[in-house]
Amino acid sequence: MPEIHGPLLDVLVVWGVVTAVLVILLVYRGTLEVREDDQIFLDSAGDSMAQEQRVIVARIERLALPIKMLIITSIVLLIAAGGFFLYDGYQRF
């Protein structure tokens, strides 16, 4: 089995870091979504619970763009790693 070195190793390391951050954000979003209620029936005394739900929804919405960007970056880096792997294999052939 050939050793992984050069640009392929660099791309794989960056891909691993990006994917790890993506997984962490997805887990964090999942924990927030567990605490989110679909419907809340509140009287005037439950305004603090409604405010908590608004904060949770705002956090979930703020995570949407970074998660999308990390997904795209992860896919692009994985494709680049595949390209480097194929190019390296072609050079050794």
Protein backbone atom coordinates (compact mmCIF):
# COMPACT_ATOMS: atom_id res chain seq x y z
CA MET A 1 0.00 0.00 0.00
CA PRO A 2 1.50 3.35 -1.00
CA GLU A 3 2.08 5.98 1.65
CA ILE A 4 -0.13 9.04 1.75
CA HIS A 5 1.99 12.17 1.44
CA GLY A 6 2.14 15.61 -0.10
CA PRO A 7 -0.99 17.51 -1.04
CA LEU A 8 -3.21 14.46 -0.55
CA LEU A 9 -2.26 14.26 3.12
CA ASP A 10 -2.82 18.00 3.56
CA VAL A 11 -6.27 17.86 1.96
CA LEU A 12 -7.25 14.82 4.02
CA VAL A 13 -6.18 16.51 7.26
CA VAL A 14 -8.15 19.67 6.43
CA TRP A 15 -11.13 17.53 5.38
CA GLY A 16 -10.96 15.67 8.70
CA VAL A 17 -10.95 18.91 10.70
CA VAL A 18 -13.81 20.42 8.69
CA THR A 19 -15.86 17.24 8.98
CA ALA A 20 -15.21 17.01 12.73
CA VAL A 21 -16.44 20.59 13.21
CA LEU A 22 -19.46 19.78 11.05
CA VAL A 23 -20.32 16.74 13.17
CA ILE A 24 -19.98 18.79 16.36
CA LEU A 25 -22.34 21.47 14.99
CA LEU A 26 -24.85 18.83 13.87
CA VAL A 27 -24.83 17.23 17.32
CA TYR A 28 -25.23 20.65 18.96
CA ARG A 29 -28.15 21.48 16.66
CA GLY A 30 -29.70 18.12 17.50
CA THR A 31 -29.52 18.83 21.22
CA LEU A 32 -31.16 22.19 20.62
CA GLU A 33 -33.91 20.63 18.53
CA VAL A 34 -34.68 18.15 21.30
CA ARG A 35 -35.42 21.04 23.63
CA GLU A 36 -37.56 22.83 21.03
CA ASP A 37 -41.30 22.34 21.36
CA ASP A 38 -43.54 22.28 18.30
CA GLN A 39 -46.47 23.87 20.08
CA ILE A 40 -46.70 25.75 23.31
CA PHE A 41 -49.98 26.60 24.95
CA LEU A 42 -49.17 29.34 27.39
CA ASP A 43 -51.05 31.75 29.53
CA SER A 44 -49.66 35.14 30.45
CA ALA A 45 -47.57 33.57 33.25
CA GLY A 46 -45.65 31.40 30.76
CA ASP A 47 -43.96 34.22 28.86
CA SER A 48 -40.53 33.14 30.10
CA MET A 49 -41.03 29.68 28.58
CA ALA A 50 -42.03 31.28 25.28
CA GLN A 51 -38.93 33.47 25.39
CA GLU A 52 -36.75 30.37 25.96
CA GLN A 53 -38.27 28.75 22.89
CA ARG A 54 -37.60 31.88 20.81
CA VAL A 55 -33.94 31.80 21.89
CA ILE A 56 -33.65 28.11 20.98
CA VAL A 57 -35.22 28.69 17.55
CA ALA A 58 -32.88 31.66 16.94
CA ARG A 59 -29.84 29.51 17.79
CA ILE A 60 -31.01 26.76 15.44
CA GLU A 61 -31.56 29.27 12.63
CA ARG A 62 -28.11 30.81 13.21
CA LEU A 63 -26.51 27.38 12.78
CA ALA A 64 -28.12 26.77 9.38
CA LEU A 65 -25.65 28.78 7.27
CA PRO A 66 -22.43 27.53 8.93
CA ILE A 67 -23.67 23.94 8.64
CA LYS A 68 -24.46 24.39 4.93
CA MET A 69 -21.05 25.96 4.30
CA LEU A 70 -19.25 23.18 6.16
CA ILE A 71 -21.17 20.52 4.22
CA ILE A 72 -20.18 22.14 0.93
CA THR A 73 -16.56 22.56 2.06
CA SER A 74 -16.39 18.95 3.23
CA ILE A 75 -17.72 17.66 -0.08
CA VAL A 76 -15.33 19.83 -2.11
CA LEU A 77 -12.35 18.72 -0.01
CA LEU A 78 -13.35 15.06 -0.35
CA ILE A 79 -13.61 15.43 -4.13
CA ALA A 80 -10.24 17.19 -4.18
CA ALA A 81 -8.71 14.36 -2.12
CA GLY A 82 -10.13 11.86 -4.60
CA GLY A 83 -8.64 13.86 -7.45
CA PHE A 84 -5.23 13.95 -5.79
CA PHE A 85 -5.47 10.21 -5.12
CA LEU A 86 -6.30 9.46 -8.76
CA TYR A 87 -3.58 11.80 -10.01
CA ASP A 88 -1.04 10.18 -7.69
CA GLY A 89 -2.12 6.74 -8.87
CA TYR A 90 -1.81 7.86 -12.48
CA GLN A 91 1.71 9.18 -11.84
CA ARG A 92 2.78 5.87 -10.25
CA PHE A 93 1.25 3.81 -13.05
